[in-house]
Full PDB file with SEQRES, HELIX, SHEET, SSBOND, CRYST1, ORIGX, SCALE, CONECT and MASTER records, all heavy atoms in Angstrom:
SEQRES   1 A   33  VAL GLN CYS LEU CYS PRO SER GLY GLY LEU GLN LEU GLY          
SEQRES   2 A   33  PRO ASN GLY ARG THR CYS ILE ASP ILE ASP GLU CYS SER          
SEQRES   3 A   33  THR GLY LYS ALA LEU CYS SER                                  
HELIX    1 AA1 GLU A   24  THR A   27  1                                   4    
SHEET    1 AA1 2 LEU A  10  LEU A  12  0                                        
SHEET    2 AA1 2 CYS A  19  ASP A  21 -1                                        
SSBOND   1 CYS A    5    CYS A   19                          1555   1555  2.12  
CRYST1    1.000    1.000    1.000  90.00  90.00  90.00 P 1           1          
ORIGX1      1.000000  0.000000  0.000000        0.00000                         
ORIGX2      0.000000  1.000000  0.000000        0.00000                         
ORIGX3      0.000000  0.000000  1.000000        0.00000                         
SCALE1      1.000000  0.000000  0.000000        0.00000                         
SCALE2      0.000000  1.000000  0.000000        0.00000                         
SCALE3      0.000000  0.000000  1.000000        0.00000                         
ATOM      1  N   VAL A   1     216.490  11.610 117.440  1.00  0.00           N  
ATOM      2  CA  VAL A   1     217.631  11.872 116.587  1.00  0.00           C  
ATOM      3  C   VAL A   1     217.266  12.669 115.323  1.00  0.00           C  
ATOM      4  O   VAL A   1     216.302  12.311 114.660  1.00  0.00           O  
ATOM      5  CB  VAL A   1     218.307  10.559 116.109  1.00  0.00           C  
ATOM      6  CG1 VAL A   1     219.511  10.797 115.199  1.00  0.00           C  
ATOM      7  CG2 VAL A   1     218.753   9.740 117.292  1.00  0.00           C  
ATOM      8  N   GLN A   2     217.949  13.800 115.141  1.00  0.00           N  
ATOM      9  CA  GLN A   2     217.647  14.650 113.980  1.00  0.00           C  
ATOM     10  C   GLN A   2     218.949  14.824 113.141  1.00  0.00           C  
ATOM     11  O   GLN A   2     220.003  15.068 113.651  1.00  0.00           O  
ATOM     12  CB  GLN A   2     217.185  16.047 114.409  1.00  0.00           C  
ATOM     13  CG  GLN A   2     215.822  16.077 115.009  1.00  0.00           C  
ATOM     14  CD  GLN A   2     215.460  17.513 115.483  1.00  0.00           C  
ATOM     15  OE1 GLN A   2     216.253  18.224 116.075  1.00  0.00           O  
ATOM     16  NE2 GLN A   2     214.264  17.863 115.197  1.00  0.00           N  
ATOM     17  N   CYS A   3     218.804  14.698 111.809  1.00  0.00           N  
ATOM     18  CA  CYS A   3     219.946  14.893 110.923  1.00  0.00           C  
ATOM     19  C   CYS A   3     220.134  16.434 110.781  1.00  0.00           C  
ATOM     20  O   CYS A   3     219.263  17.213 110.923  1.00  0.00           O  
ATOM     21  CB  CYS A   3     219.611  14.316 109.525  1.00  0.00           C  
ATOM     22  SG  CYS A   3     219.591  12.551 109.556  1.00  0.00           S  
ATOM     23  N   LEU A   4     221.393  16.799 110.569  1.00  0.00           N  
ATOM     24  CA  LEU A   4     221.823  18.181 110.484  1.00  0.00           C  
ATOM     25  C   LEU A   4     222.353  18.494 109.091  1.00  0.00           C  
ATOM     26  O   LEU A   4     222.878  17.648 108.377  1.00  0.00           O  
ATOM     27  CB  LEU A   4     222.887  18.513 111.470  1.00  0.00           C  
ATOM     28  CG  LEU A   4     222.558  18.352 112.964  1.00  0.00           C  
ATOM     29  CD1 LEU A   4     223.806  18.584 113.790  1.00  0.00           C  
ATOM     30  CD2 LEU A   4     221.514  19.383 113.345  1.00  0.00           C  
ATOM     31  N   CYS A   5     222.259  19.753 108.689  1.00  0.00           N  
ATOM     32  CA  CYS A   5     222.882  20.275 107.490  1.00  0.00           C  
ATOM     33  C   CYS A   5     223.946  21.282 107.966  1.00  0.00           C  
ATOM     34  O   CYS A   5     223.696  22.086 108.829  1.00  0.00           O  
ATOM     35  CB  CYS A   5     221.845  20.916 106.537  1.00  0.00           C  
ATOM     36  SG  CYS A   5     220.725  19.692 105.840  1.00  0.00           S  
ATOM     37  N   PRO A   6     225.139  21.244 107.262  1.00  0.00           N  
ATOM     38  CA  PRO A   6     226.267  22.153 107.795  1.00  0.00           C  
ATOM     39  C   PRO A   6     226.144  23.647 107.382  1.00  0.00           C  
ATOM     40  O   PRO A   6     227.026  24.402 107.658  1.00  0.00           O  
ATOM     41  CB  PRO A   6     227.449  21.524 107.085  1.00  0.00           C  
ATOM     42  CG  PRO A   6     226.982  20.853 105.879  1.00  0.00           C  
ATOM     43  CD  PRO A   6     225.570  20.386 106.173  1.00  0.00           C  
ATOM     44  N   SER A   7     225.078  24.018 106.729  1.00  0.00           N  
ATOM     45  CA  SER A   7     224.981  25.398 106.283  1.00  0.00           C  
ATOM     46  C   SER A   7     223.494  25.848 106.297  1.00  0.00           C  
ATOM     47  O   SER A   7     222.604  25.021 106.004  1.00  0.00           O  
ATOM     48  CB  SER A   7     225.554  25.549 104.923  1.00  0.00           C  
ATOM     49  OG  SER A   7     225.059  26.674 104.260  1.00  0.00           O  
ATOM     50  N   GLY A   8     223.240  27.145 106.518  1.00  0.00           N  
ATOM     51  CA  GLY A   8     221.903  27.671 106.445  1.00  0.00           C  
ATOM     52  C   GLY A   8     221.299  27.682 105.108  1.00  0.00           C  
ATOM     53  O   GLY A   8     220.109  27.784 104.889  1.00  0.00           O  
ATOM     54  N   GLY A   9     222.160  27.530 104.074  1.00  0.00           N  
ATOM     55  CA  GLY A   9     221.745  27.456 102.688  1.00  0.00           C  
ATOM     56  C   GLY A   9     221.352  26.097 102.238  1.00  0.00           C  
ATOM     57  O   GLY A   9     221.101  25.833 101.039  1.00  0.00           O  
ATOM     58  N   LEU A  10     221.351  25.113 103.174  1.00  0.00           N  
ATOM     59  CA  LEU A  10     220.971  23.740 102.801  1.00  0.00           C  
ATOM     60  C   LEU A  10     219.771  23.372 103.785  1.00  0.00           C  
ATOM     61  O   LEU A  10     219.628  23.873 104.857  1.00  0.00           O  
ATOM     62  CB  LEU A  10     222.081  22.781 103.138  1.00  0.00           C  
ATOM     63  CG  LEU A  10     223.391  22.919 102.397  1.00  0.00           C  
ATOM     64  CD1 LEU A  10     224.446  22.018 102.930  1.00  0.00           C  
ATOM     65  CD2 LEU A  10     223.203  22.671 100.885  1.00  0.00           C  
ATOM     66  N   GLN A  11     218.952  22.540 103.252  1.00  0.00           N  
ATOM     67  CA  GLN A  11     217.794  22.052 104.104  1.00  0.00           C  
ATOM     68  C   GLN A  11     217.666  20.523 103.971  1.00  0.00           C  
ATOM     69  O   GLN A  11     218.125  19.939 102.961  1.00  0.00           O  
ATOM     70  CB  GLN A  11     216.503  22.737 103.670  1.00  0.00           C  
ATOM     71  CG  GLN A  11     216.040  22.421 102.258  1.00  0.00           C  
ATOM     72  CD  GLN A  11     214.824  23.225 101.839  1.00  0.00           C  
ATOM     73  OE1 GLN A  11     214.409  24.174 102.449  1.00  0.00           O  
ATOM     74  NE2 GLN A  11     214.204  22.778 100.765  1.00  0.00           N  
ATOM     75  N   LEU A  12     217.101  19.917 104.955  1.00  0.00           N  
ATOM     76  CA  LEU A  12     216.860  18.482 104.913  1.00  0.00           C  
ATOM     77  C   LEU A  12     215.944  18.111 103.832  1.00  0.00           C  
ATOM     78  O   LEU A  12     214.889  18.752 103.672  1.00  0.00           O  
ATOM     79  CB  LEU A  12     216.348  17.939 106.262  1.00  0.00           C  
ATOM     80  CG  LEU A  12     217.428  17.676 107.362  1.00  0.00           C  
ATOM     81  CD1 LEU A  12     216.722  17.235 108.612  1.00  0.00           C  
ATOM     82  CD2 LEU A  12     218.418  16.624 106.917  1.00  0.00           C  
ATOM     83  N   GLY A  13     216.293  17.101 103.043  1.00  0.00           N  
ATOM     84  CA  GLY A  13     215.465  16.627 102.003  1.00  0.00           C  
ATOM     85  C   GLY A  13     214.284  15.814 102.513  1.00  0.00           C  
ATOM     86  O   GLY A  13     214.159  15.615 103.736  1.00  0.00           O  
ATOM     87  N   PRO A  14     213.374  15.415 101.621  1.00  0.00           N  
ATOM     88  CA  PRO A  14     212.150  14.705 102.053  1.00  0.00           C  
ATOM     89  C   PRO A  14     212.453  13.422 102.895  1.00  0.00           C  
ATOM     90  O   PRO A  14     211.683  13.054 103.743  1.00  0.00           O  
ATOM     91  CB  PRO A  14     211.488  14.312 100.717  1.00  0.00           C  
ATOM     92  CG  PRO A  14     212.111  15.180  99.680  1.00  0.00           C  
ATOM     93  CD  PRO A  14     213.491  15.596 100.190  1.00  0.00           C  
ATOM     94  N   ASN A  15     213.631  12.819 102.649  1.00  0.00           N  
ATOM     95  CA  ASN A  15     213.932  11.600 103.417  1.00  0.00           C  
ATOM     96  C   ASN A  15     214.467  11.874 104.769  1.00  0.00           C  
ATOM     97  O   ASN A  15     214.689  10.967 105.615  1.00  0.00           O  
ATOM     98  CB  ASN A  15     214.959  10.750 102.622  1.00  0.00           C  
ATOM     99  CG  ASN A  15     216.343  11.432 102.426  1.00  0.00           C  
ATOM    100  OD1 ASN A  15     216.566  12.513 102.999  1.00  0.00           O  
ATOM    101  ND2 ASN A  15     217.188  10.815 101.657  1.00  0.00           N  
ATOM    102  N   GLY A  16     214.686  13.142 105.105  1.00  0.00           N  
ATOM    103  CA  GLY A  16     215.153  13.533 106.449  1.00  0.00           C  
ATOM    104  C   GLY A  16     216.550  13.193 106.804  1.00  0.00           C  
ATOM    105  O   GLY A  16     217.014  13.331 107.929  1.00  0.00           O  
ATOM    106  N   ARG A  17     217.324  12.738 105.750  1.00  0.00           N  
ATOM    107  CA  ARG A  17     218.721  12.299 105.961  1.00  0.00           C  
ATOM    108  C   ARG A  17     219.723  13.049 105.135  1.00  0.00           C  
ATOM    109  O   ARG A  17     220.848  13.294 105.562  1.00  0.00           O  
ATOM    110  CB  ARG A  17     218.855  10.801 105.703  1.00  0.00           C  
ATOM    111  CG  ARG A  17     218.086   9.924 106.616  1.00  0.00           C  
ATOM    112  CD  ARG A  17     218.516   8.435 106.534  1.00  0.00           C  
ATOM    113  NE  ARG A  17     218.575   7.942 105.216  1.00  0.00           N  
ATOM    114  CZ  ARG A  17     217.583   7.353 104.547  1.00  0.00           C  
ATOM    115  NH1 ARG A  17     216.421   7.202 105.160  1.00  0.00           N  
ATOM    116  NH2 ARG A  17     217.764   6.890 103.325  1.00  0.00           N  
ATOM    117  N   THR A  18     219.367  13.392 103.895  1.00  0.00           N  
ATOM    118  CA  THR A  18     220.265  14.107 103.011  1.00  0.00           C  
ATOM    119  C   THR A  18     219.913  15.549 102.920  1.00  0.00           C  
ATOM    120  O   THR A  18     218.762  15.941 103.146  1.00  0.00           O  
ATOM    121  CB  THR A  18     220.237  13.463 101.559  1.00  0.00           C  
ATOM    122  OG1 THR A  18     218.896  13.488 101.086  1.00  0.00           O  
ATOM    123  CG2 THR A  18     220.783  12.083 101.561  1.00  0.00           C  
ATOM    124  N   CYS A  19     220.922  16.396 102.650  1.00  0.00           N  
ATOM    125  CA  CYS A  19     220.727  17.822 102.575  1.00  0.00           C  
ATOM    126  C   CYS A  19     220.589  18.312 101.106  1.00  0.00           C  
ATOM    127  O   CYS A  19     221.408  17.871 100.251  1.00  0.00           O  
ATOM    128  CB  CYS A  19     221.860  18.571 103.219  1.00  0.00           C  
ATOM    129  SG  CYS A  19     221.974  18.199 104.992  1.00  0.00           S  
ATOM    130  N   ILE A  20     219.595  19.132 100.854  1.00  0.00           N  
ATOM    131  CA  ILE A  20     219.421  19.694  99.506  1.00  0.00           C  
ATOM    132  C   ILE A  20     219.644  21.177  99.521  1.00  0.00           C  
ATOM    133  O   ILE A  20     219.440  21.834 100.586  1.00  0.00           O  
ATOM    134  CB  ILE A  20     218.049  19.275  98.892  1.00  0.00           C  
ATOM    135  CG1 ILE A  20     216.919  19.731  99.787  1.00  0.00           C  
ATOM    136  CG2 ILE A  20     218.025  17.808  98.559  1.00  0.00           C  
ATOM    137  CD1 ILE A  20     215.497  19.574  99.172  1.00  0.00           C  
ATOM    138  N   ASP A  21     220.111  21.721  98.424  1.00  0.00           N  
ATOM    139  CA  ASP A  21     220.459  23.148  98.329  1.00  0.00           C  
ATOM    140  C   ASP A  21     219.175  24.024  98.294  1.00  0.00           C  
ATOM    141  O   ASP A  21     218.206  23.632  97.712  1.00  0.00           O  
ATOM    142  CB  ASP A  21     221.252  23.404  97.037  1.00  0.00           C  
ATOM    143  CG  ASP A  21     221.561  24.889  96.882  1.00  0.00           C  
ATOM    144  OD1 ASP A  21     222.161  25.463  97.781  1.00  0.00           O  
ATOM    145  OD2 ASP A  21     221.256  25.395  95.759  1.00  0.00           O  
ATOM    146  N   ILE A  22     219.233  25.164  99.024  1.00  0.00           N  
ATOM    147  CA  ILE A  22     218.104  26.188  98.965  1.00  0.00           C  
ATOM    148  C   ILE A  22     218.627  27.182  97.877  1.00  0.00           C  
ATOM    149  O   ILE A  22     219.741  27.731  98.049  1.00  0.00           O  
ATOM    150  CB  ILE A  22     217.910  26.862 100.284  1.00  0.00           C  
ATOM    151  CG1 ILE A  22     217.441  25.872 101.338  1.00  0.00           C  
ATOM    152  CG2 ILE A  22     216.920  28.041 100.109  1.00  0.00           C  
ATOM    153  CD1 ILE A  22     217.458  26.416 102.774  1.00  0.00           C  
ATOM    154  N   ASP A  23     217.898  27.420  96.831  1.00  0.00           N  
ATOM    155  CA  ASP A  23     218.253  28.437  95.802  1.00  0.00           C  
ATOM    156  C   ASP A  23     217.811  29.772  96.337  1.00  0.00           C  
ATOM    157  O   ASP A  23     216.669  30.187  96.131  1.00  0.00           O  
ATOM    158  CB  ASP A  23     217.653  28.083  94.473  1.00  0.00           C  
ATOM    159  CG  ASP A  23     218.139  29.013  93.379  1.00  0.00           C  
ATOM    160  OD1 ASP A  23     218.708  30.039  93.670  1.00  0.00           O  
ATOM    161  OD2 ASP A  23     218.002  28.636  92.165  1.00  0.00           O  
ATOM    162  N   GLU A  24     218.749  30.479  97.006  1.00  0.00           N  
ATOM    163  CA  GLU A  24     218.348  31.783  97.599  1.00  0.00           C  
ATOM    164  C   GLU A  24     217.992  32.809  96.499  1.00  0.00           C  
ATOM    165  O   GLU A  24     217.232  33.743  96.774  1.00  0.00           O  
ATOM    166  CB  GLU A  24     219.515  32.418  98.388  1.00  0.00           C  
ATOM    167  CG  GLU A  24     219.908  31.618  99.653  1.00  0.00           C  
ATOM    168  CD  GLU A  24     220.923  30.524  99.449  1.00  0.00           C  
ATOM    169  OE1 GLU A  24     221.164  30.153  98.258  1.00  0.00           O  
ATOM    170  OE2 GLU A  24     221.377  29.966 100.426  1.00  0.00           O  
ATOM    171  N   CYS A  25     218.560  32.616  95.262  1.00  0.00           N  
ATOM    172  CA  CYS A  25     218.290  33.546  94.162  1.00  0.00           C  
ATOM    173  C   CYS A  25     216.831  33.465  93.711  1.00  0.00           C  
ATOM    174  O   CYS A  25     216.200  34.529  93.417  1.00  0.00           O  
ATOM    175  CB  CYS A  25     219.193  33.268  93.001  1.00  0.00           C  
ATOM    176  SG  CYS A  25     220.977  33.374  93.488  1.00  0.00           S  
ATOM    177  N   SER A  26     216.296  32.275  93.685  1.00  0.00           N  
ATOM    178  CA  SER A  26     214.872  32.118  93.213  1.00  0.00           C  
ATOM    179  C   SER A  26     213.860  32.262  94.316  1.00  0.00           C  
ATOM    180  O   SER A  26     212.770  32.576  94.116  1.00  0.00           O  
ATOM    181  CB  SER A  26     214.692  30.788  92.466  1.00  0.00           C  
ATOM    182  OG  SER A  26     214.861  29.756  93.375  1.00  0.00           O  
ATOM    183  N   THR A  27     214.264  32.053  95.588  1.00  0.00           N  
ATOM    184  CA  THR A  27     213.305  32.122  96.712  1.00  0.00           C  
ATOM    185  C   THR A  27     213.278  33.595  97.232  1.00  0.00           C  
ATOM    186  O   THR A  27     212.388  33.896  98.066  1.00  0.00           O  
ATOM    187  CB  THR A  27     213.700  31.239  97.909  1.00  0.00           C  
ATOM    188  OG1 THR A  27     215.026  31.590  98.312  1.00  0.00           O  
ATOM    189  CG2 THR A  27     213.668  29.787  97.499  1.00  0.00           C  
ATOM    190  N   GLY A  28     214.141  34.443  96.746  1.00  0.00           N  
ATOM    191  CA  GLY A  28     214.121  35.857  97.190  1.00  0.00           C  
ATOM    192  C   GLY A  28     214.776  36.104  98.505  1.00  0.00           C  
ATOM    193  O   GLY A  28     214.712  37.179  99.117  1.00  0.00           O  
ATOM    194  N   LYS A  29     215.513  35.057  99.072  1.00  0.00           N  
ATOM    195  CA  LYS A  29     216.189  35.200 100.318  1.00  0.00           C  
ATOM    196  C   LYS A  29     217.526  35.960 100.147  1.00  0.00           C  
ATOM    197  O   LYS A  29     218.081  36.475 101.127  1.00  0.00           O  
ATOM    198  CB  LYS A  29     216.469  33.825 100.927  1.00  0.00           C  
ATOM    199  CG  LYS A  29     215.290  33.248 101.632  1.00  0.00           C  
ATOM    200  CD  LYS A  29     215.632  31.922 102.375  1.00  0.00           C  
ATOM    201  CE  LYS A  29     214.450  31.405 103.128  1.00  0.00           C  
ATOM    202  NZ  LYS A  29     214.624  29.974 103.453  1.00  0.00           N  
ATOM    203  N   ALA A  30     218.042  36.016  98.957  1.00  0.00           N  
ATOM    204  CA  ALA A  30     219.307  36.648  98.694  1.00  0.00           C  
ATOM    205  C   ALA A  30     219.171  38.140  98.752  1.00  0.00           C  
ATOM    206  O   ALA A  30     218.200  38.716  98.346  1.00  0.00           O  
ATOM    207  CB  ALA A  30     219.814  36.220  97.332  1.00  0.00           C  
ATOM    208  N   LEU A  31     220.168  38.812  99.289  1.00  0.00           N  
ATOM    209  CA  LEU A  31     220.198  40.250  99.358  1.00  0.00           C  
ATOM    210  C   LEU A  31     221.364  40.774  98.483  1.00  0.00           C  
ATOM    211  O   LEU A  31     222.483  40.705  98.853  1.00  0.00           O  
ATOM    212  CB  LEU A  31     220.422  40.720 100.794  1.00  0.00           C  
ATOM    213  CG  LEU A  31     219.309  40.401 101.827  1.00  0.00           C  
ATOM    214  CD1 LEU A  31     219.776  40.648 103.215  1.00  0.00           C  
ATOM    215  CD2 LEU A  31     218.066  41.179 101.494  1.00  0.00           C  
ATOM    216  N   CYS A  32     221.015  41.208  97.284  1.00  0.00           N  
ATOM    217  CA  CYS A  32     222.003  41.785  96.331  1.00  0.00           C  
ATOM    218  C   CYS A  32     221.530  43.180  95.981  1.00  0.00           C  
ATOM    219  O   CYS A  32     220.327  43.398  95.798  1.00  0.00           O  
ATOM    220  CB  CYS A  32     222.137  40.951  95.046  1.00  0.00           C  
ATOM    221  SG  CYS A  32     222.843  39.301  95.314  1.00  0.00           S  
ATOM    222  N   SER A  33     222.471  44.131  95.903  1.00  0.00           N  
ATOM    223  CA  SER A  33     222.059  45.538  95.510  1.00  0.00           C  
ATOM    224  C   SER A  33     221.615  45.518  94.053  1.00  0.00           C  
ATOM    225  O   SER A  33     221.862  44.613  93.305  1.00  0.00           O  
ATOM    226  CB  SER A  33     223.278  46.449  95.747  1.00  0.00           C  
ATOM    227  OG  SER A  33     224.403  45.979  95.051  1.00  0.00           O  
TER     228      SER A  33                                                      
CONECT   36  129                                                                
CONECT  129   36                                                                
MASTER        0    0    0    1    2    0    0    6  227    1    2    3          
END                                                                             
């Protein structure tokens, strides 16, 4: 059994049950002109 997050911008937290936000702005994943 694996917990899911409803968006690609969320990731499973350390407990494997709750979803935490990925800050695309600070990780460089965001594409802005």
